[in-house]
Amino acid sequence: MSHLVAFWNLENFFAPEGHPGREPWLARALQKELSGWSEALFRRKVDQLVAIVRQMKGAAGPDILGVCEVENAFALQALADALNAVLPDRRYELVHVDSASDQRGIDTAFLFDARQVSAKRDEVFSHWVMRRTGTRDITQATFVTAAGKELVALANHWPSRSASAGEGPEYSAGFRATAGETLAYWHDRIREKKGDNAAVIALGDFNDDPFDKSVSLHAQGLRDKGDVQRARSAKFYNLAWEYLLQTVHDHNGKPRPLNGTLYFAGDAAMFDQILVSPGLLSGKSGLRVVEGSARIEAYPEAVSHRVGEGPIRFGLPSGNAAANVNTDGYSDHFPVSVLIEAL
């Protein structure tokens, strides 16, 4: 039996304007941007997300979906309810830790099908990535298959590359290095508790490419599968190197490289990545990555042929101008996924 594990940056998935559970940071910092984010727009955003998620795994939906840029449990539960309505064989539940202390006020979390896997509620952790201007969190959860095999999953959203005028991504590189070190530390701790062959998967929007030091050095997300399998210390194999060659068909029906999971500053970037532990490569954990299954979930309706085959974003209204939202859009990131088989 195989399980599809996916990740998606849901792009500003905020509760509607006036929601009583509004995160304090959003209420202060995004008051103008959220003006006009009506209940109707929120529900349209949910419908657009569902239209993509439901297509995964041959229209069965993912077994586990890591997410980021979610404001709170209300928004995430709305997505779960909508998915359950269109996928009657699924029963999605949440793993969510409220990041109320996060100055950005947005969360990483998981949806999982409780009919396929269970979540060990006493093994849900939020690892704070401290930085001078706030925090970002890494949500860790342990999922158990029907056969009793454990998969430890970590949903990541690393600090942004955005900076003041005249400052490039190197200005914020140290923040992402800290996030990488945080992930590597907890990978090491998981191995101490569960053994060197533990099945560990780290998914997320790393805001850096696979070759950047935050991923390759600090998080130990390597390109060479053999190096990972031979290593005695905690290292990951980065599956993003495998889907770098993925193609889509352009508006003329010709295959073109996807180039990335999003566009940043006008260039394609591969910020959305999946890192797996040696135990998921060898199968010694009882779970194993299905060879060649890692992919970018780029469905035709979500691909823009205007911007290098990148994703079509939904966006947010700006200053009560709801017309600025593309209600036919989805997110500014493509989802990524991998199949994991039980042995």
C-alpha atoms as a PDB file:
ATOM      1  CA  MET A   1       0.000   0.000   0.000  1.00  0.00           C
ATOM      2  CA  SER A   2       1.287   3.465  -0.825  1.00  0.00           C
ATOM      3  CA  HIS A   3       0.573   6.828   0.782  1.00  0.00           C
ATOM      4  CA  LEU A   4       0.808  10.165  -0.997  1.00  0.00           C
ATOM      5  CA  VAL A   5       2.495  12.802   1.156  1.00  0.00           C
ATOM      6  CA  ALA A   6       2.280  16.339  -0.223  1.00  0.00           C
ATOM      7  CA  PHE A   7       3.051  19.941   0.722  1.00  0.00           C
ATOM      8  CA  TRP A   8       1.534  23.217  -0.432  1.00  0.00           C
ATOM      9  CA  ASN A   9       2.089  26.855   0.426  1.00  0.00           C
ATOM     10  CA  LEU A  10      -1.542  28.025   0.356  1.00  0.00           C
ATOM     11  CA  GLU A  11      -0.652  31.713  -0.170  1.00  0.00           C
ATOM     12  CA  ASN A  12      -2.256  34.026   2.357  1.00  0.00           C
ATOM     13  CA  PHE A  13      -4.931  31.591   3.482  1.00  0.00           C
ATOM     14  CA  PHE A  14      -6.543  33.960   5.960  1.00  0.00           C
ATOM     15  CA  ALA A  15      -9.933  33.843   7.640  1.00  0.00           C
ATOM     16  CA  PRO A  16     -12.419  36.391   6.237  1.00  0.00           C
ATOM     17  CA  GLU A  17     -12.485  40.039   7.230  1.00  0.00           C
ATOM     18  CA  GLY A  18     -13.932  40.611  10.701  1.00  0.00           C
ATOM     19  CA  HIS A  19     -13.366  37.032  11.841  1.00  0.00           C
ATOM     20  CA  PRO A  20     -13.265  37.013  15.688  1.00  0.00           C
ATOM     21  CA  GLY A  21     -10.212  34.745  15.712  1.00  0.00           C
ATOM     22  CA  ARG A  22      -8.091  37.136  13.670  1.00  0.00           C
ATOM     23  CA  GLU A  23      -4.404  36.826  14.549  1.00  0.00           C
ATOM     24  CA  PRO A  24      -3.195  40.040  16.273  1.00  0.00           C
ATOM     25  CA  TRP A  25      -0.279  40.582  13.885  1.00  0.00           C
ATOM     26  CA  LEU A  26      -2.579  40.416  10.873  1.00  0.00           C
ATOM     27  CA  ALA A  27      -5.044  42.803  12.452  1.00  0.00           C
ATOM     28  CA  ARG A  28      -2.246  45.351  12.908  1.00  0.00           C
ATOM     29  CA  ALA A  29      -0.001  44.878   9.887  1.00  0.00           C
ATOM     30  CA  LEU A  30      -2.380  43.778   7.141  1.00  0.00           C
ATOM     31  CA  GLN A  31      -5.448  45.827   7.970  1.00  0.00           C
ATOM     32  CA  LYS A  32      -5.513  47.556   4.568  1.00  0.00           C
ATOM     33  CA  GLU A  33      -4.584  44.445   2.604  1.00  0.00           C
ATOM     34  CA  LEU A  34      -7.269  42.383   4.328  1.00  0.00           C
ATOM     35  CA  SER A  35      -9.914  45.027   3.779  1.00  0.00           C
ATOM     36  CA  GLY A  36     -12.372  43.464   1.367  1.00  0.00           C
ATOM     37  CA  TRP A  37     -11.315  39.871   2.144  1.00  0.00           C
ATOM     38  CA  SER A  38     -14.961  38.898   2.403  1.00  0.00           C
ATOM     39  CA  GLU A  39     -16.621  35.637   3.332  1.00  0.00           C
ATOM     40  CA  ALA A  40     -17.389  35.132  -0.373  1.00  0.00           C
ATOM     41  CA  LEU A  41     -13.736  35.574  -1.363  1.00  0.00           C
ATOM     42  CA  PHE A  42     -12.601  33.266   1.428  1.00  0.00           C
ATOM     43  CA  ARG A  43     -15.015  30.557   0.287  1.00  0.00           C
ATOM     44  CA  ARG A  44     -13.886  31.006  -3.325  1.00  0.00           C
ATOM     45  CA  LYS A  45     -10.284  30.584  -2.174  1.00  0.00           C
ATOM     46  CA  VAL A  46     -11.259  27.358  -0.378  1.00  0.00           C
ATOM     47  CA  ASP A  47     -12.991  26.062  -3.514  1.00  0.00           C
ATOM     48  CA  GLN A  48      -9.916  26.808  -5.639  1.00  0.00           C
ATOM     49  CA  LEU A  49      -7.608  25.007  -3.221  1.00  0.00           C
ATOM     50  CA  VAL A  50      -9.945  22.023  -3.135  1.00  0.00           C
ATOM     51  CA  ALA A  51     -10.002  21.901  -6.953  1.00  0.00           C
ATOM     52  CA  ILE A  52      -6.266  21.153  -6.919  1.00  0.00           C
ATOM     53  CA  VAL A  53      -5.930  19.001  -3.802  1.00  0.00           C
ATOM     54  CA  ARG A  54      -8.720  16.645  -4.859  1.00  0.00           C
ATOM     55  CA  GLN A  55      -6.820  15.766  -8.052  1.00  0.00           C
ATOM     56  CA  MET A  56      -3.798  14.377  -6.245  1.00  0.00           C
ATOM     57  CA  LYS A  57      -3.187  10.625  -6.150  1.00  0.00           C
ATOM     58  CA  GLY A  58      -5.332   9.961  -9.182  1.00  0.00           C
ATOM     59  CA  ALA A  59      -8.271  12.059  -7.913  1.00  0.00           C
ATOM     60  CA  ALA A  60      -8.274  10.298  -4.533  1.00  0.00           C
ATOM     61  CA  GLY A  61      -6.574  13.177  -2.696  1.00  0.00           C
ATOM     62  CA  PRO A  62      -3.393  13.016  -0.596  1.00  0.00           C
ATOM     63  CA  ASP A  63      -3.095  10.872   2.507  1.00  0.00           C
ATOM     64  CA  ILE A  64      -1.068  13.547   4.302  1.00  0.00           C
ATOM     65  CA  LEU A  65      -0.878  17.205   3.248  1.00  0.00           C
ATOM     66  CA  GLY A  66       1.538  19.625   4.881  1.00  0.00           C
ATOM     67  CA  VAL A  67       0.649  23.293   4.467  1.00  0.00           C
ATOM     68  CA  CYS A  68       1.918  26.757   5.294  1.00  0.00           C
ATOM     69  CA  GLU A  69       0.639  30.341   5.176  1.00  0.00           C
ATOM     70  CA  VAL A  70      -2.479  29.308   7.090  1.00  0.00           C
ATOM     71  CA  GLU A  71      -3.751  31.892   9.545  1.00  0.00           C
ATOM     72  CA  ASN A  72      -5.482  29.636  12.054  1.00  0.00           C
ATOM     73  CA  ALA A  73      -7.395  26.414  12.714  1.00  0.00           C
ATOM     74  CA  PHE A  74     -10.633  27.981  11.428  1.00  0.00           C
ATOM     75  CA  ALA A  75      -9.229  28.398   7.923  1.00  0.00           C
ATOM     76  CA  LEU A  76      -7.643  24.954   7.942  1.00  0.00           C
ATOM     77  CA  GLN A  77     -10.845  23.294   9.188  1.00  0.00           C
ATOM     78  CA  ALA A  78     -12.798  25.000   6.398  1.00  0.00           C
ATOM     79  CA  LEU A  79     -10.437  23.401   3.888  1.00  0.00           C
ATOM     80  CA  ALA A  80     -10.726  19.983   5.571  1.00  0.00           C
ATOM     81  CA  ASP A  81     -14.540  20.186   5.602  1.00  0.00           C
ATOM     82  CA  ALA A  82     -14.652  21.129   1.922  1.00  0.00           C
ATOM     83  CA  LEU A  83     -12.317  18.269   0.981  1.00  0.00           C
ATOM     84  CA  ASN A  84     -14.340  15.786   2.992  1.00  0.00           C
ATOM     85  CA  ALA A  85     -17.464  16.922   1.144  1.00  0.00           C
ATOM     86  CA  VAL A  86     -16.023  16.172  -2.307  1.00  0.00           C
ATOM     87  CA  LEU A  87     -13.910  13.141  -1.330  1.00  0.00           C
ATOM     88  CA  PRO A  88     -16.357  10.949   0.617  1.00  0.00           C
ATOM     89  CA  ASP A  89     -13.783   8.175   1.053  1.00  0.00           C
ATOM     90  CA  ARG A  90     -11.567  10.580   2.979  1.00  0.00           C
ATOM     91  CA  ARG A  91     -11.907  11.904   6.523  1.00  0.00           C
ATOM     92  CA  TYR A  92      -9.396  14.705   6.855  1.00  0.00           C
ATOM     93  CA  GLU A  93      -8.405  15.867  10.325  1.00  0.00           C
ATOM     94  CA  LEU A  94      -5.931  18.523  11.482  1.00  0.00           C
ATOM     95  CA  VAL A  95      -2.552  18.654  13.130  1.00  0.00           C
ATOM     96  CA  HIS A  96      -2.236  22.321  14.028  1.00  0.00           C
ATOM     97  CA  VAL A  97      -0.331  24.341  16.613  1.00  0.00           C
ATOM     98  CA  ASP A  98      -1.439  27.955  16.961  1.00  0.00           C
ATOM     99  CA  SER A  99       1.532  30.280  16.464  1.00  0.00           C
ATOM    100  CA  ALA A 100      -0.038  33.116  18.434  1.00  0.00           C
ATOM    101  CA  SER A 101       3.399  34.303  19.523  1.00  0.00           C
ATOM    102  CA  ASP A 102       4.574  34.532  15.903  1.00  0.00           C
ATOM    103  CA  GLN A 103       4.670  38.167  14.835  1.00  0.00           C
ATOM    104  CA  ARG A 104       3.625  37.076  11.350  1.00  0.00           C
ATOM    105  CA  GLY A 105       0.650  35.145  12.713  1.00  0.00           C
ATOM    106  CA  ILE A 106       0.682  32.375  10.096  1.00  0.00           C
ATOM    107  CA  ASP A 107       1.090  28.663  10.662  1.00  0.00           C
ATOM    108  CA  THR A 108       2.476  25.440   9.306  1.00  0.00           C
ATOM    109  CA  ALA A 109       0.202  22.444   9.785  1.00  0.00           C
ATOM    110  CA  PHE A 110      -0.998  19.099   8.400  1.00  0.00           C
ATOM    111  CA  LEU A 111      -4.199  17.621   7.064  1.00  0.00           C
ATOM    112  CA  PHE A 112      -4.327  13.830   7.200  1.00  0.00           C
ATOM    113  CA  ASP A 113      -6.848  11.160   6.293  1.00  0.00           C
ATOM    114  CA  ALA A 114      -7.784   9.520   9.597  1.00  0.00           C
ATOM    115  CA  ARG A 115      -9.001   6.456   7.683  1.00  0.00           C
ATOM    116  CA  GLN A 116      -5.488   5.808   6.390  1.00  0.00           C
ATOM    117  CA  VAL A 117      -3.162   7.058   9.120  1.00  0.00           C
ATOM    118  CA  SER A 118      -3.439   8.212  12.708  1.00  0.00           C
ATOM    119  CA  ALA A 119      -1.583  11.023  14.425  1.00  0.00           C
ATOM    120  CA  LYS A 120       0.153  10.522  17.768  1.00  0.00           C
ATOM    121  CA  ARG A 121      -1.221  13.581  19.531  1.00  0.00           C
ATOM    122  CA  ASP A 122       1.410  13.367  22.260  1.00  0.00           C
ATOM    123  CA  GLU A 123       4.116  13.668  19.592  1.00  0.00           C
ATOM    124  CA  VAL A 124       3.085  16.952  17.983  1.00  0.00           C
ATOM    125  CA  PHE A 125       5.693  19.675  18.428  1.00  0.00           C
ATOM    126  CA  SER A 126       6.237  23.200  17.215  1.00  0.00           C
ATOM    127  CA  HIS A 127       9.891  24.155  16.844  1.00  0.00           C
ATOM    128  CA  TRP A 128      10.352  27.907  16.870  1.00  0.00           C
ATOM    129  CA  VAL A 129      12.910  29.405  14.515  1.00  0.00           C
ATOM    130  CA  MET A 130      13.909  32.530  16.376  1.00  0.00           C
ATOM    131  CA  ARG A 131      14.978  35.631  14.504  1.00  0.00           C
ATOM    132  CA  ARG A 132      15.411  39.288  15.322  1.00  0.00           C
ATOM    133  CA  THR A 133      12.124  40.366  13.717  1.00  0.00           C
ATOM    134  CA  GLY A 134       9.933  37.475  14.833  1.00  0.00           C
ATOM    135  CA  THR A 135       9.682  33.724  14.503  1.00  0.00           C
ATOM    136  CA  ARG A 136       8.728  31.000  12.076  1.00  0.00           C
ATOM    137  CA  ASP A 137       7.657  27.543  13.183  1.00  0.00           C
ATOM    138  CA  ILE A 138       8.372  23.984  12.064  1.00  0.00           C
ATOM    139  CA  THR A 139       5.471  21.689  12.930  1.00  0.00           C
ATOM    140  CA  GLN A 140       6.458  18.098  13.713  1.00  0.00           C
ATOM    141  CA  ALA A 141       3.955  15.245  13.803  1.00  0.00           C
ATOM    142  CA  THR A 142       4.222  11.457  13.990  1.00  0.00           C
ATOM    143  CA  PHE A 143       1.793   9.564  11.770  1.00  0.00           C
ATOM    144  CA  VAL A 144       1.114   5.835  12.105  1.00  0.00           C
ATOM    145  CA  THR A 145      -0.056   3.613   9.247  1.00  0.00           C
ATOM    146  CA  ALA A 146      -2.595   0.814   9.587  1.00  0.00           C
ATOM    147  CA  ALA A 147       0.335  -1.615   9.726  1.00  0.00           C
ATOM    148  CA  GLY A 148       1.825   0.272  12.671  1.00  0.00           C
ATOM    149  CA  LYS A 149       4.703   1.939  10.779  1.00  0.00           C
ATOM    150  CA  GLU A 150       5.664   5.418  11.950  1.00  0.00           C
ATOM    151  CA  LEU A 151       6.388   8.405   9.720  1.00  0.00           C
ATOM    152  CA  VAL A 152       7.734  11.545  11.384  1.00  0.00           C
ATOM    153  CA  ALA A 153       6.841  14.575   9.256  1.00  0.00           C
ATOM    154  CA  LEU A 154       8.041  18.162   9.643  1.00  0.00           C
ATOM    155  CA  ALA A 155       6.196  20.999   7.858  1.00  0.00           C
ATOM    156  CA  ASN A 156       8.522  23.947   7.213  1.00  0.00           C
ATOM    157  CA  HIS A 157       8.123  27.563   6.214  1.00  0.00           C
ATOM    158  CA  TRP A 158      11.469  29.276   6.430  1.00  0.00           C
ATOM    159  CA  PRO A 159      12.028  33.058   6.727  1.00  0.00           C
ATOM    160  CA  SER A 160      11.283  35.104   3.651  1.00  0.00           C
ATOM    161  CA  ARG A 161      13.776  36.568   1.188  1.00  0.00           C
ATOM    162  CA  SER A 162      11.934  39.884   1.196  1.00  0.00           C
ATOM    163  CA  ALA A 163      14.000  42.820   2.385  1.00  0.00           C
ATOM    164  CA  SER A 164      14.177  46.595   2.267  1.00  0.00           C
ATOM    165  CA  ALA A 165      15.043  48.429  -0.933  1.00  0.00           C
ATOM    166  CA  GLY A 166      18.581  47.729  -2.054  1.00  0.00           C
ATOM    167  CA  GLU A 167      18.945  44.577   0.052  1.00  0.00           C
ATOM    168  CA  GLY A 168      19.186  41.221  -1.682  1.00  0.00           C
ATOM    169  CA  PRO A 169      18.400  37.710  -0.378  1.00  0.00           C
ATOM    170  CA  GLU A 170      21.821  37.540   1.273  1.00  0.00           C
ATOM    171  CA  TYR A 171      20.514  40.026   3.862  1.00  0.00           C
ATOM    172  CA  SER A 172      18.091  37.422   5.208  1.00  0.00           C
ATOM    173  CA  ALA A 173      20.227  34.329   4.450  1.00  0.00           C
ATOM    174  CA  GLY A 174      21.263  33.989   8.094  1.00  0.00           C
ATOM    175  CA  PHE A 175      17.639  33.560   9.148  1.00  0.00           C
ATOM    176  CA  ARG A 176      17.229  30.615   6.788  1.00  0.00           C
ATOM    177  CA  ALA A 177      20.539  29.165   7.926  1.00  0.00           C
ATOM    178  CA  THR A 178      19.110  29.211  11.445  1.00  0.00           C
ATOM    179  CA  ALA A 179      15.983  27.440  10.186  1.00  0.00           C
ATOM    180  CA  GLY A 180      18.155  24.819   8.501  1.00  0.00           C
ATOM    181  CA  GLU A 181      20.122  24.244  11.687  1.00  0.00           C
ATOM    182  CA  THR A 182      16.859  23.936  13.634  1.00  0.00           C
ATOM    183  CA  LEU A 183      15.596  21.278  11.238  1.00  0.00           C
ATOM    184  CA  ALA A 184      18.898  19.381  11.327  1.00  0.00           C
ATOM    185  CA  TYR A 185      18.938  19.464  15.129  1.00  0.00           C
ATOM    186  CA  TRP A 186      15.455  17.976  15.376  1.00  0.00           C
ATOM    187  CA  HIS A 187      16.276  15.352  12.756  1.00  0.00           C
ATOM    188  CA  ASP A 188      19.176  14.297  14.951  1.00  0.00           C
ATOM    189  CA  ARG A 189      16.953  14.233  18.046  1.00  0.00           C
ATOM    190  CA  ILE A 190      14.343  12.097  16.251  1.00  0.00           C
ATOM    191  CA  ARG A 191      17.043   9.560  15.360  1.00  0.00           C
ATOM    192  CA  GLU A 192      18.199   9.505  18.981  1.00  0.00           C
ATOM    193  CA  LYS A 193      14.674   8.672  20.134  1.00  0.00           C
ATOM    194  CA  LYS A 194      13.495   6.395  17.323  1.00  0.00           C
ATOM    195  CA  GLY A 195      16.709   4.951  15.893  1.00  0.00           C
ATOM    196  CA  ASP A 196      18.900   5.655  12.882  1.00  0.00           C
ATOM    197  CA  ASN A 197      16.427   3.996  10.517  1.00  0.00           C
ATOM    198  CA  ALA A 198      13.487   6.201  11.519  1.00  0.00           C
ATOM    199  CA  ALA A 199      11.268   7.318   8.634  1.00  0.00           C
ATOM    200  CA  VAL A 200      11.556  11.111   8.615  1.00  0.00           C
ATOM    201  CA  ILE A 201      10.251  13.464   5.935  1.00  0.00           C
ATOM    202  CA  ALA A 202      10.736  17.234   5.968  1.00  0.00           C
ATOM    203  CA  LEU A 203       8.546  19.182   3.547  1.00  0.00           C
ATOM    204  CA  GLY A 204       8.150  22.854   3.034  1.00  0.00           C
ATOM    205  CA  ASP A 205       8.678  26.217   1.481  1.00  0.00           C
ATOM    206  CA  PHE A 206      12.329  26.763   2.346  1.00  0.00           C
ATOM    207  CA  ASN A 207      12.574  30.149   0.597  1.00  0.00           C
ATOM    208  CA  ASP A 208      15.914  28.928  -0.759  1.00  0.00           C
ATOM    209  CA  ASP A 209      16.856  26.621  -3.602  1.00  0.00           C
ATOM    210  CA  PRO A 210      18.211  23.070  -3.095  1.00  0.00           C
ATOM    211  CA  PHE A 211      21.767  24.259  -3.755  1.00  0.00           C
ATOM    212  CA  ASP A 212      21.668  27.077  -1.184  1.00  0.00           C
ATOM    213  CA  LYS A 213      23.701  26.492   1.973  1.00  0.00           C
ATOM    214  CA  SER A 214      20.692  26.761   4.276  1.00  0.00           C
ATOM    215  CA  VAL A 215      19.339  23.549   2.713  1.00  0.00           C
ATOM    216  CA  SER A 216      22.446  21.687   1.540  1.00  0.00           C
ATOM    217  CA  LEU A 217      24.769  22.516   4.446  1.00  0.00           C
ATOM    218  CA  HIS A 218      22.745  23.617   7.462  1.00  0.00           C
ATOM    219  CA  ALA A 219      19.765  21.269   7.020  1.00  0.00           C
ATOM    220  CA  GLN A 220      21.997  18.573   5.488  1.00  0.00           C
ATOM    221  CA  GLY A 221      19.648  18.099   2.528  1.00  0.00           C
ATOM    222  CA  LEU A 222      21.993  16.476   0.028  1.00  0.00           C
ATOM    223  CA  ARG A 223      21.865  15.757  -3.696  1.00  0.00           C
ATOM    224  CA  ASP A 224      23.749  12.438  -3.594  1.00  0.00           C
ATOM    225  CA  LYS A 225      21.581   9.563  -2.445  1.00  0.00           C
ATOM    226  CA  GLY A 226      24.597   7.364  -1.740  1.00  0.00           C
ATOM    227  CA  ASP A 227      26.148   9.950   0.584  1.00  0.00           C
ATOM    228  CA  VAL A 228      22.932  10.019   2.607  1.00  0.00           C
ATOM    229  CA  GLN A 229      22.668   6.237   2.831  1.00  0.00           C
ATOM    230  CA  ARG A 230      26.305   5.826   3.899  1.00  0.00           C
ATOM    231  CA  ALA A 231      26.349   8.665   6.424  1.00  0.00           C
ATOM    232  CA  ARG A 232      26.460   7.895  10.138  1.00  0.00           C
ATOM    233  CA  SER A 233      25.075  11.301  11.093  1.00  0.00           C
ATOM    234  CA  ALA A 234      21.616  12.726  10.395  1.00  0.00           C
ATOM    235  CA  LYS A 235      21.344  13.646   6.726  1.00  0.00           C
ATOM    236  CA  PHE A 236      18.465  14.001   4.267  1.00  0.00           C
ATOM    237  CA  TYR A 237      18.188  13.202   0.574  1.00  0.00           C
ATOM    238  CA  ASN A 238      16.586  16.119  -1.294  1.00  0.00           C
ATOM    239  CA  LEU A 239      13.968  14.833  -3.727  1.00  0.00           C
ATOM    240  CA  ALA A 240      13.729  18.255  -5.377  1.00  0.00           C
ATOM    241  CA  TRP A 241      16.723  17.297  -7.500  1.00  0.00           C
ATOM    242  CA  GLU A 242      14.567  14.585  -9.058  1.00  0.00           C
ATOM    243  CA  TYR A 243      11.682  16.824 -10.124  1.00  0.00           C
ATOM    244  CA  LEU A 244      13.896  19.569 -11.512  1.00  0.00           C
ATOM    245  CA  LEU A 245      13.532  17.873 -14.905  1.00  0.00           C
ATOM    246  CA  GLN A 246       9.736  17.759 -14.854  1.00  0.00           C
ATOM    247  CA  THR A 247       7.926  19.262 -17.852  1.00  0.00           C
ATOM    248  CA  VAL A 248       4.480  20.679 -18.618  1.00  0.00           C
ATOM    249  CA  HIS A 249       2.751  21.408 -21.922  1.00  0.00           C
ATOM    250  CA  ASP A 250       2.573  25.061 -22.929  1.00  0.00           C
ATOM    251  CA  HIS A 251      -0.368  26.750 -24.664  1.00  0.00           C
ATOM    252  CA  ASN A 252       0.808  25.289 -27.973  1.00  0.00           C
ATOM    253  CA  GLY A 253       0.855  21.784 -26.558  1.00  0.00           C
ATOM    254  CA  LYS A 254       4.644  21.585 -26.548  1.00  0.00           C
ATOM    255  CA  PRO A 255       6.514  20.215 -23.507  1.00  0.00           C
ATOM    256  CA  ARG A 256       8.461  22.825 -21.554  1.00  0.00           C
ATOM    257  CA  PRO A 257      10.509  22.591 -18.359  1.00  0.00           C
ATOM    258  CA  LEU A 258       8.627  23.644 -15.253  1.00  0.00           C
ATOM    259  CA  ASN A 259      11.830  25.255 -13.932  1.00  0.00           C
ATOM    260  CA  GLY A 260      10.478  25.708 -10.435  1.00  0.00           C
ATOM    261  CA  THR A 261       7.616  25.660  -7.959  1.00  0.00           C
ATOM    262  CA  LEU A 262       7.172  29.437  -8.025  1.00  0.00           C
ATOM    263  CA  TYR A 263       8.556  32.635  -9.491  1.00  0.00           C
ATOM    264  CA  PHE A 264      10.496  34.996  -7.223  1.00  0.00           C
ATOM    265  CA  ALA A 265      11.680  38.395  -8.451  1.00  0.00           C
ATOM    266  CA  GLY A 266      10.832  37.316 -11.998  1.00  0.00           C
ATOM    267  CA  ASP A 267      12.891  34.126 -11.947  1.00  0.00           C
ATOM    268  CA  ALA A 268      11.871  30.506 -11.435  1.00  0.00           C
ATOM    269  CA  ALA A 269      12.774  29.093  -8.022  1.00  0.00           C
ATOM    270  CA  MET A 270      12.592  25.632  -6.458  1.00  0.00           C
ATOM    271  CA  PHE A 271      11.740  26.700  -2.907  1.00  0.00           C
ATOM    272  CA  ASP A 272       9.238  23.883  -2.276  1.00  0.00           C
ATOM    273  CA  GLN A 273      11.172  20.748  -1.444  1.00  0.00           C
ATOM    274  CA  ILE A 274      10.886  17.292   0.101  1.00  0.00           C
ATOM    275  CA  LEU A 275      13.736  15.885   2.201  1.00  0.00           C
ATOM    276  CA  VAL A 276      13.747  12.221   3.251  1.00  0.00           C
ATOM    277  CA  SER A 277      15.827  10.262   5.746  1.00  0.00           C
ATOM    278  CA  PRO A 278      17.983   7.191   5.011  1.00  0.00           C
ATOM    279  CA  GLY A 279      15.302   4.970   6.545  1.00  0.00           C
ATOM    280  CA  LEU A 280      12.892   6.075   3.803  1.00  0.00           C
ATOM    281  CA  LEU A 281      15.436   5.337   1.092  1.00  0.00           C
ATOM    282  CA  SER A 282      16.471   1.886   2.295  1.00  0.00           C
ATOM    283  CA  GLY A 283      13.060   0.747   3.530  1.00  0.00           C
ATOM    284  CA  LYS A 284      14.589  -0.327   6.848  1.00  0.00           C
ATOM    285  CA  SER A 285      11.954   1.812   8.565  1.00  0.00           C
ATOM    286  CA  GLY A 286       9.190  -0.335   7.057  1.00  0.00           C
ATOM    287  CA  LEU A 287       8.346   2.550   4.741  1.00  0.00           C
ATOM    288  CA  ARG A 288      10.100   3.471   1.512  1.00  0.00           C
ATOM    289  CA  VAL A 289       9.969   6.245  -1.065  1.00  0.00           C
ATOM    290  CA  VAL A 290       8.580   4.961  -4.358  1.00  0.00           C
ATOM    291  CA  GLU A 291      11.338   5.408  -6.920  1.00  0.00           C
ATOM    292  CA  GLY A 292      10.648   8.276  -9.327  1.00  0.00           C
ATOM    293  CA  SER A 293       7.396   9.333  -7.651  1.00  0.00           C
ATOM    294  CA  ALA A 294       8.456  12.781  -6.394  1.00  0.00           C
ATOM    295  CA  ARG A 295       6.813  15.486  -8.477  1.00  0.00           C
ATOM    296  CA  ILE A 296       5.488  18.992  -8.725  1.00  0.00           C
ATOM    297  CA  GLU A 297       1.680  18.894  -8.781  1.00  0.00           C
ATOM    298  CA  ALA A 298       1.245  21.327 -11.663  1.00  0.00           C
ATOM    299  CA  TYR A 299      -2.224  20.805 -13.133  1.00  0.00           C
ATOM    300  CA  PRO A 300      -2.967  22.560 -16.454  1.00  0.00           C
ATOM    301  CA  GLU A 301      -5.561  24.964 -15.067  1.00  0.00           C
ATOM    302  CA  ALA A 302      -3.087  26.246 -12.461  1.00  0.00           C
ATOM    303  CA  VAL A 303      -0.191  26.875 -14.867  1.00  0.00           C
ATOM    304  CA  SER A 304       0.331  30.381 -16.224  1.00  0.00           C
ATOM    305  CA  HIS A 305       1.642  30.506 -19.784  1.00  0.00           C
ATOM    306  CA  ARG A 306       2.332  34.210 -19.356  1.00  0.00           C
ATOM    307  CA  VAL A 307       5.032  33.791 -16.707  1.00  0.00           C
ATOM    308  CA  GLY A 308       7.314  30.909 -17.680  1.00  0.00           C
ATOM    309  CA  GLU A 309       4.828  28.139 -16.836  1.00  0.00           C
ATOM    310  CA  GLY A 310       4.643  29.264 -13.210  1.00  0.00           C
ATOM    311  CA  PRO A 311       1.639  29.018 -10.883  1.00  0.00           C
ATOM    312  CA  ILE A 312      -1.436  31.249 -11.146  1.00  0.00           C
ATOM    313  CA  ARG A 313      -1.848  33.038  -7.849  1.00  0.00           C
ATOM    314  CA  PHE A 314      -5.081  33.981  -6.115  1.00  0.00           C
ATOM    315  CA  GLY A 315      -3.662  36.925  -4.188  1.00  0.00           C
ATOM    316  CA  LEU A 316      -5.302  39.309  -1.758  1.00  0.00           C
ATOM    317  CA  PRO A 317      -7.350  42.482  -2.239  1.00  0.00           C
ATOM    318  CA  SER A 318      -5.382  45.671  -1.792  1.00  0.00           C
ATOM    319  CA  GLY A 319      -6.992  48.582  -0.036  1.00  0.00           C
ATOM    320  CA  ASN A 320     -10.526  47.235  -0.380  1.00  0.00           C
ATOM    321  CA  ALA A 321     -10.004  46.660  -4.124  1.00  0.00           C
ATOM    322  CA  ALA A 322     -11.321  43.113  -4.316  1.00  0.00           C
ATOM    323  CA  ALA A 323     -11.025  43.313  -8.097  1.00  0.00           C
ATOM    324  CA  ASN A 324      -7.255  42.832  -7.613  1.00  0.00           C
ATOM    325  CA  VAL A 325      -7.897  39.235  -6.594  1.00  0.00           C
ATOM    326  CA  ASN A 326      -7.786  36.660  -9.370  1.00  0.00           C
ATOM    327  CA  THR A 327     -10.663  34.415  -8.370  1.00  0.00           C
ATOM    328  CA  ASP A 328      -9.573  31.950 -11.054  1.00  0.00           C
ATOM    329  CA  GLY A 329      -6.167  31.634  -9.388  1.00  0.00           C
ATOM    330  CA  TYR A 330      -4.945  29.200  -6.745  1.00  0.00           C
ATOM    331  CA  SER A 331      -1.623  29.998  -5.049  1.00  0.00           C
ATOM    332  CA  ASP A 332       1.740  31.530  -5.902  1.00  0.00           C
ATOM    333  CA  HIS A 333       3.321  28.090  -5.318  1.00  0.00           C
ATOM    334  CA  PHE A 334       2.752  24.682  -6.873  1.00  0.00           C
ATOM    335  CA  PRO A 335       2.271  21.756  -4.472  1.00  0.00           C
ATOM    336  CA  VAL A 336       4.892  18.998  -4.342  1.00  0.00           C
ATOM    337  CA  SER A 337       4.375  15.351  -3.464  1.00  0.00           C
ATOM    338  CA  VAL A 338       5.911  11.886  -3.131  1.00  0.00           C
ATOM    339  CA  LEU A 339       4.568   8.365  -2.778  1.00  0.00           C
ATOM    340  CA  ILE A 340       5.677   6.309   0.220  1.00  0.00           C
ATOM    341  CA  GLU A 341       5.001   2.595   0.216  1.00  0.00           C
ATOM    342  CA  ALA A 342       4.558   0.324   3.231  1.00  0.00           C
ATOM    343  CA  LEU A 343       6.723  -2.801   3.084  1.00  0.00           C
END
